[in-house]
């Protein structure tokens, strides 16, 4: 899923996330979507898009547990 952010080698940056892998997993299962108080709509899902990304969070990343080692 590329939005033109930085499309080299399938790696895209979005805000503070770096996408490192994206693939489609083909599987069949039923999903139920609530459409009313007592009603649900059943649909067959045939594929799921999986995205693996790194969260490049910033801030205080110092781990005090390992400070004296």
PDB file of N, CA and C in Angstrom:
ATOM      1  N   UNK A   1       0.849  -1.177   0.000  1.00  0.00           N
ATOM      2  CA  UNK A   1       0.000   0.000   0.000  1.00  0.00           C
ATOM      3  C   UNK A   1       0.883   1.225   0.000  1.00  0.00           C
ATOM      4  N   UNK A   2       1.078   1.811  -1.132  1.00  0.00           N
ATOM      5  CA  UNK A   2       1.977   2.949  -1.247  1.00  0.00           C
ATOM      6  C   UNK A   2       1.175   4.218  -1.486  1.00  0.00           C
ATOM      7  N   UNK A   3       1.503   5.245  -0.709  1.00  0.00           N
ATOM      8  CA  UNK A   3       0.840   6.529  -0.908  1.00  0.00           C
ATOM      9  C   UNK A   3       1.819   7.561  -1.447  1.00  0.00           C
ATOM     10  N   UNK A   4       2.963   7.084  -1.951  1.00  0.00           N
ATOM     11  CA  UNK A   4       3.942   7.983  -2.523  1.00  0.00           C
ATOM     12  C   UNK A   4       4.804   8.692  -1.497  1.00  0.00           C
ATOM     13  N   UNK A   5       4.781   8.240  -0.252  1.00  0.00           N
ATOM     14  CA  UNK A   5       5.530   8.918   0.797  1.00  0.00           C
ATOM     15  C   UNK A   5       7.038   8.774   0.594  1.00  0.00           C
ATOM     16  N   UNK A   6       7.528   7.600   0.486  1.00  0.00           N
ATOM     17  CA  UNK A   6       8.944   7.325   0.276  1.00  0.00           C
ATOM     18  C   UNK A   6       9.011   5.889  -0.210  1.00  0.00           C
ATOM     19  N   UNK A   7       8.740   5.642  -1.459  1.00  0.00           N
ATOM     20  CA  UNK A   7       8.459   4.303  -1.943  1.00  0.00           C
ATOM     21  C   UNK A   7       9.645   3.469  -2.351  1.00  0.00           C
ATOM     22  N   UNK A   8      10.848   3.717  -1.856  1.00  0.00           N
ATOM     23  CA  UNK A   8      11.997   2.902  -2.204  1.00  0.00           C
ATOM     24  C   UNK A   8      11.894   1.526  -1.574  1.00  0.00           C
ATOM     25  N   UNK A   9      11.976   0.488  -2.365  1.00  0.00           N
ATOM     26  CA  UNK A   9      12.011  -0.904  -1.888  1.00  0.00           C
ATOM     27  C   UNK A   9      10.818  -1.270  -1.010  1.00  0.00           C
ATOM     28  N   UNK A  10       9.672  -0.688  -1.236  1.00  0.00           N
ATOM     29  CA  UNK A  10       8.485  -1.030  -0.465  1.00  0.00           C
ATOM     30  C   UNK A  10       8.470  -0.420   0.921  1.00  0.00           C
ATOM     31  N   UNK A  11       9.387   0.487   1.228  1.00  0.00           N
ATOM     32  CA  UNK A  11       9.440   1.115   2.545  1.00  0.00           C
ATOM     33  C   UNK A  11       8.795   2.487   2.435  1.00  0.00           C
ATOM     34  N   UNK A  12       7.804   2.729   3.281  1.00  0.00           N
ATOM     35  CA  UNK A  12       7.118   4.017   3.265  1.00  0.00           C
ATOM     36  C   UNK A  12       7.154   4.604   4.663  1.00  0.00           C
ATOM     37  N   UNK A  13       7.295   5.903   4.744  1.00  0.00           N
ATOM     38  CA  UNK A  13       7.257   6.563   6.042  1.00  0.00           C
ATOM     39  C   UNK A  13       5.954   7.324   6.151  1.00  0.00           C
ATOM     40  N   UNK A  14       5.281   7.143   7.252  1.00  0.00           N
ATOM     41  CA  UNK A  14       4.027   7.825   7.524  1.00  0.00           C
ATOM     42  C   UNK A  14       4.126   8.337   8.952  1.00  0.00           C
ATOM     43  N   UNK A  15       4.188   9.641   9.093  1.00  0.00           N
ATOM     44  CA  UNK A  15       4.346  10.270  10.399  1.00  0.00           C
ATOM     45  C   UNK A  15       5.555   9.670  11.090  1.00  0.00           C
ATOM     46  N   UNK A  16       5.341   8.859  12.135  1.00  0.00           N
ATOM     47  CA  UNK A  16       6.469   8.275  12.856  1.00  0.00           C
ATOM     48  C   UNK A  16       6.566   6.764  12.663  1.00  0.00           C
ATOM     49  N   UNK A  17       5.950   6.225  11.624  1.00  0.00           N
ATOM     50  CA  UNK A  17       6.012   4.800  11.354  1.00  0.00           C
ATOM     51  C   UNK A  17       6.802   4.524  10.081  1.00  0.00           C
ATOM     52  N   UNK A  18       7.600   3.446  10.083  1.00  0.00           N
ATOM     53  CA  UNK A  18       8.310   3.011   8.891  1.00  0.00           C
ATOM     54  C   UNK A  18       7.790   1.623   8.543  1.00  0.00           C
ATOM     55  N   UNK A  19       7.178   1.518   7.386  1.00  0.00           N
ATOM     56  CA  UNK A  19       6.623   0.243   6.927  1.00  0.00           C
ATOM     57  C   UNK A  19       7.760  -0.595   6.364  1.00  0.00           C
ATOM     58  N   UNK A  20       7.920  -1.832   6.887  1.00  0.00           N
ATOM     59  CA  UNK A  20       9.011  -2.673   6.420  1.00  0.00           C
ATOM     60  C   UNK A  20       8.525  -3.880   5.628  1.00  0.00           C
ATOM     61  N   UNK A  21       7.248  -4.216   5.720  1.00  0.00           N
ATOM     62  CA  UNK A  21       6.720  -5.370   5.006  1.00  0.00           C
ATOM     63  C   UNK A  21       5.216  -5.233   4.858  1.00  0.00           C
ATOM     64  N   UNK A  22       4.706  -5.605   3.705  1.00  0.00           N
ATOM     65  CA  UNK A  22       3.260  -5.654   3.476  1.00  0.00           C
ATOM     66  C   UNK A  22       2.969  -6.830   2.563  1.00  0.00           C
ATOM     67  N   UNK A  23       1.974  -7.638   2.953  1.00  0.00           N
ATOM     68  CA  UNK A  23       1.588  -8.762   2.122  1.00  0.00           C
ATOM     69  C   UNK A  23       0.114  -9.069   2.310  1.00  0.00           C
ATOM     70  N   UNK A  24      -0.426  -9.867   1.411  1.00  0.00           N
ATOM     71  CA  UNK A  24      -1.819 -10.282   1.489  1.00  0.00           C
ATOM     72  C   UNK A  24      -1.883 -11.739   1.892  1.00  0.00           C
ATOM     73  N   UNK A  25      -2.650 -12.018   2.938  1.00  0.00           N
ATOM     74  CA  UNK A  25      -2.860 -13.389   3.415  1.00  0.00           C
ATOM     75  C   UNK A  25      -4.241 -13.830   2.924  1.00  0.00           C
ATOM     76  N   UNK A  26      -4.267 -14.891   2.129  1.00  0.00           N
ATOM     77  CA  UNK A  26      -5.529 -15.377   1.585  1.00  0.00           C
ATOM     78  C   UNK A  26      -6.123 -16.408   2.533  1.00  0.00           C
ATOM     79  N   UNK A  27      -7.334 -16.141   2.994  1.00  0.00           N
ATOM     80  CA  UNK A  27      -8.007 -16.972   3.985  1.00  0.00           C
ATOM     81  C   UNK A  27      -9.506 -16.733   3.819  1.00  0.00           C
ATOM     82  N   UNK A  28     -10.310 -17.645   4.265  1.00  0.00           N
ATOM     83  CA  UNK A  28     -11.761 -17.450   4.220  1.00  0.00           C
ATOM     84  C   UNK A  28     -12.350 -17.588   5.618  1.00  0.00           C
ATOM     85  N   UNK A  29     -13.073 -16.545   6.032  1.00  0.00           N
ATOM     86  CA  UNK A  29     -13.800 -16.587   7.299  1.00  0.00           C
ATOM     87  C   UNK A  29     -14.960 -15.605   7.217  1.00  0.00           C
ATOM     88  N   UNK A  30     -15.918 -15.774   8.110  1.00  0.00           N
ATOM     89  CA  UNK A  30     -17.071 -14.889   8.139  1.00  0.00           C
ATOM     90  C   UNK A  30     -16.843 -13.764   9.140  1.00  0.00           C
ATOM     91  N   UNK A  31     -17.238 -12.574   8.756  1.00  0.00           N
ATOM     92  CA  UNK A  31     -17.159 -11.406   9.608  1.00  0.00           C
ATOM     93  C   UNK A  31     -18.575 -10.881   9.819  1.00  0.00           C
ATOM     94  N   UNK A  32     -18.855 -10.379  11.005  1.00  0.00           N
ATOM     95  CA  UNK A  32     -20.181  -9.871  11.329  1.00  0.00           C
ATOM     96  C   UNK A  32     -20.080  -8.392  11.687  1.00  0.00           C
ATOM     97  N   UNK A  33     -20.822  -7.555  10.952  1.00  0.00           N
ATOM     98  CA  UNK A  33     -20.838  -6.113  11.165  1.00  0.00           C
ATOM     99  C   UNK A  33     -22.184  -5.712  11.737  1.00  0.00           C
ATOM    100  N   UNK A  34     -22.167  -4.986  12.839  1.00  0.00           N
ATOM    101  CA  UNK A  34     -23.410  -4.544  13.478  1.00  0.00           C
ATOM    102  C   UNK A  34     -24.059  -3.459  12.633  1.00  0.00           C
ATOM    103  N   UNK A  35     -25.320  -3.664  12.244  1.00  0.00           N
ATOM    104  CA  UNK A  35     -26.038  -2.665  11.443  1.00  0.00           C
ATOM    105  C   UNK A  35     -27.243  -2.100  12.182  1.00  0.00           C
ATOM    106  N   UNK A  36     -27.531  -2.643  13.337  1.00  0.00           N
ATOM    107  CA  UNK A  36     -28.652  -2.157  14.142  1.00  0.00           C
ATOM    108  C   UNK A  36     -28.520  -2.701  15.548  1.00  0.00           C
ATOM    109  N   UNK A  37     -29.445  -2.336  16.401  1.00  0.00           N
ATOM    110  CA  UNK A  37     -29.401  -2.767  17.800  1.00  0.00           C
ATOM    111  C   UNK A  37     -29.356  -4.290  17.922  1.00  0.00           C
ATOM    112  N   UNK A  38     -30.190  -4.992  17.164  1.00  0.00           N
ATOM    113  CA  UNK A  38     -30.249  -6.453  17.256  1.00  0.00           C
ATOM    114  C   UNK A  38     -29.979  -7.124  15.908  1.00  0.00           C
ATOM    115  N   UNK A  39     -29.288  -6.424  15.007  1.00  0.00           N
ATOM    116  CA  UNK A  39     -29.058  -6.970  13.672  1.00  0.00           C
ATOM    117  C   UNK A  39     -27.589  -6.899  13.300  1.00  0.00           C
ATOM    118  N   UNK A  40     -27.116  -7.957  12.638  1.00  0.00           N
ATOM    119  CA  UNK A  40     -25.747  -8.004  12.154  1.00  0.00           C
ATOM    120  C   UNK A  40     -25.749  -8.455  10.705  1.00  0.00           C
ATOM    121  N   UNK A  41     -24.786  -7.949   9.941  1.00  0.00           N
ATOM    122  CA  UNK A  41     -24.637  -8.332   8.550  1.00  0.00           C
ATOM    123  C   UNK A  41     -23.443  -9.284   8.448  1.00  0.00           C
ATOM    124  N   UNK A  42     -23.655 -10.438   7.857  1.00  0.00           N
ATOM    125  CA  UNK A  42     -22.620 -11.454   7.709  1.00  0.00           C
ATOM    126  C   UNK A  42     -21.975 -11.311   6.335  1.00  0.00           C
ATOM    127  N   UNK A  43     -20.630 -11.298   6.294  1.00  0.00           N
ATOM    128  CA  UNK A  43     -19.936 -11.233   5.009  1.00  0.00           C
ATOM    129  C   UNK A  43     -18.737 -12.178   5.027  1.00  0.00           C
ATOM    130  N   UNK A  44     -18.418 -12.719   3.879  1.00  0.00           N
ATOM    131  CA  UNK A  44     -17.295 -13.627   3.729  1.00  0.00           C
ATOM    132  C   UNK A  44     -16.047 -12.824   3.377  1.00  0.00           C
ATOM    133  N   UNK A  45     -15.022 -12.956   4.209  1.00  0.00           N
ATOM    134  CA  UNK A  45     -13.744 -12.295   3.969  1.00  0.00           C
ATOM    135  C   UNK A  45     -12.827 -13.309   3.311  1.00  0.00           C
ATOM    136  N   UNK A  46     -12.207 -12.932   2.190  1.00  0.00           N
ATOM    137  CA  UNK A  46     -11.352 -13.859   1.459  1.00  0.00           C
ATOM    138  C   UNK A  46      -9.871 -13.516   1.550  1.00  0.00           C
ATOM    139  N   UNK A  47      -9.536 -12.310   1.988  1.00  0.00           N
ATOM    140  CA  UNK A  47      -8.131 -11.943   2.125  1.00  0.00           C
ATOM    141  C   UNK A  47      -7.969 -10.864   3.182  1.00  0.00           C
ATOM    142  N   UNK A  48      -6.774 -10.833   3.785  1.00  0.00           N
ATOM    143  CA  UNK A  48      -6.438  -9.856   4.815  1.00  0.00           C
ATOM    144  C   UNK A  48      -5.092  -9.247   4.434  1.00  0.00           C
ATOM    145  N   UNK A  49      -5.001  -7.936   4.457  1.00  0.00           N
ATOM    146  CA  UNK A  49      -3.738  -7.259   4.208  1.00  0.00           C
ATOM    147  C   UNK A  49      -2.999  -7.108   5.532  1.00  0.00           C
ATOM    148  N   UNK A  50      -1.757  -7.576   5.564  1.00  0.00           N
ATOM    149  CA  UNK A  50      -0.927  -7.533   6.769  1.00  0.00           C
ATOM    150  C   UNK A  50       0.198  -6.527   6.529  1.00  0.00           C
ATOM    151  N   UNK A  51       0.380  -5.604   7.474  1.00  0.00           N
ATOM    152  CA  UNK A  51       1.446  -4.608   7.382  1.00  0.00           C
ATOM    153  C   UNK A  51       2.288  -4.699   8.646  1.00  0.00           C
ATOM    154  N   UNK A  52       3.605  -4.817   8.451  1.00  0.00           N
ATOM    155  CA  UNK A  52       4.552  -4.805   9.561  1.00  0.00           C
ATOM    156  C   UNK A  52       5.274  -3.466   9.510  1.00  0.00           C
ATOM    157  N   UNK A  53       5.268  -2.740  10.640  1.00  0.00           N
ATOM    158  CA  UNK A  53       5.873  -1.410  10.671  1.00  0.00           C
ATOM    159  C   UNK A  53       6.598  -1.205  11.990  1.00  0.00           C
ATOM    160  N   UNK A  54       7.545  -0.276  11.975  1.00  0.00           N
ATOM    161  CA  UNK A  54       8.266   0.115  13.179  1.00  0.00           C
ATOM    162  C   UNK A  54       7.745   1.462  13.645  1.00  0.00           C
ATOM    163  N   UNK A  55       7.522   1.583  14.939  1.00  0.00           N
ATOM    164  CA  UNK A  55       7.115   2.849  15.536  1.00  0.00           C
ATOM    165  C   UNK A  55       8.381   3.586  15.954  1.00  0.00           C
ATOM    166  N   UNK A  56       8.665   4.701  15.303  1.00  0.00           N
ATOM    167  CA  UNK A  56       9.870   5.462  15.588  1.00  0.00           C
ATOM    168  C   UNK A  56       9.574   6.543  16.617  1.00  0.00           C
ATOM    169  N   UNK A  57       9.112   6.106  17.770  1.00  0.00           N
ATOM    170  CA  UNK A  57       8.770   7.041  18.829  1.00  0.00           C
ATOM    171  C   UNK A  57      10.000   7.771  19.338  1.00  0.00           C
ATOM    172  N   UNK A  58       9.829   9.011  19.713  1.00  0.00           N
ATOM    173  CA  UNK A  58      10.928   9.799  20.251  1.00  0.00           C
ATOM    174  C   UNK A  58      10.576  10.233  21.655  1.00  0.00           C
ATOM    175  N   UNK A  59      11.577  10.702  22.363  1.00  0.00           N
ATOM    176  CA  UNK A  59      11.356  11.143  23.727  1.00  0.00           C
ATOM    177  C   UNK A  59      12.388  10.501  24.630  1.00  0.00           C
ATOM    178  N   UNK A  60      12.073  10.331  25.892  1.00  0.00           N
ATOM    179  CA  UNK A  60      12.995   9.751  26.854  1.00  0.00           C
ATOM    180  C   UNK A  60      13.018   8.242  26.662  1.00  0.00           C
ATOM    181  N   UNK A  61      14.052   7.738  25.985  1.00  0.00           N
ATOM    182  CA  UNK A  61      14.167   6.305  25.732  1.00  0.00           C
ATOM    183  C   UNK A  61      15.174   5.652  26.656  1.00  0.00           C
ATOM    184  N   UNK A  62      15.673   6.379  27.652  1.00  0.00           N
ATOM    185  CA  UNK A  62      16.657   5.840  28.582  1.00  0.00           C
ATOM    186  C   UNK A  62      15.977   4.849  29.520  1.00  0.00           C
ATOM    187  N   UNK A  63      16.513   3.645  29.592  1.00  0.00           N
ATOM    188  CA  UNK A  63      15.967   2.597  30.446  1.00  0.00           C
ATOM    189  C   UNK A  63      16.751   2.586  31.735  1.00  0.00           C
ATOM    190  N   UNK A  64      16.183   3.080  32.829  1.00  0.00           N
ATOM    191  CA  UNK A  64      16.872   3.180  34.103  1.00  0.00           C
ATOM    192  C   UNK A  64      17.235   1.819  34.684  1.00  0.00           C
ATOM    193  N   UNK A  65      16.568   0.764  34.281  1.00  0.00           N
ATOM    194  CA  UNK A  65      16.835  -0.577  34.791  1.00  0.00           C
ATOM    195  C   UNK A  65      18.260  -1.014  34.465  1.00  0.00           C
ATOM    196  N   UNK A  66      18.798  -0.601  33.313  1.00  0.00           N
ATOM    197  CA  UNK A  66      20.123  -1.026  32.868  1.00  0.00           C
ATOM    198  C   UNK A  66      21.175   0.079  33.011  1.00  0.00           C
ATOM    199  N   UNK A  67      20.867   1.128  33.734  1.00  0.00           N
ATOM    200  CA  UNK A  67      21.759   2.284  33.833  1.00  0.00           C
ATOM    201  C   UNK A  67      23.104   1.931  34.452  1.00  0.00           C
ATOM    202  N   UNK A  68      23.160   1.063  35.453  1.00  0.00           N
ATOM    203  CA  UNK A  68      24.391   0.755  36.156  1.00  0.00           C
ATOM    204  C   UNK A  68      25.167  -0.404  35.562  1.00  0.00           C
ATOM    205  N   UNK A  69      24.748  -0.969  34.458  1.00  0.00           N
ATOM    206  CA  UNK A  69      25.440  -2.119  33.865  1.00  0.00           C
ATOM    207  C   UNK A  69      26.487  -1.680  32.877  1.00  0.00           C
TER     208      UNK A  69
END
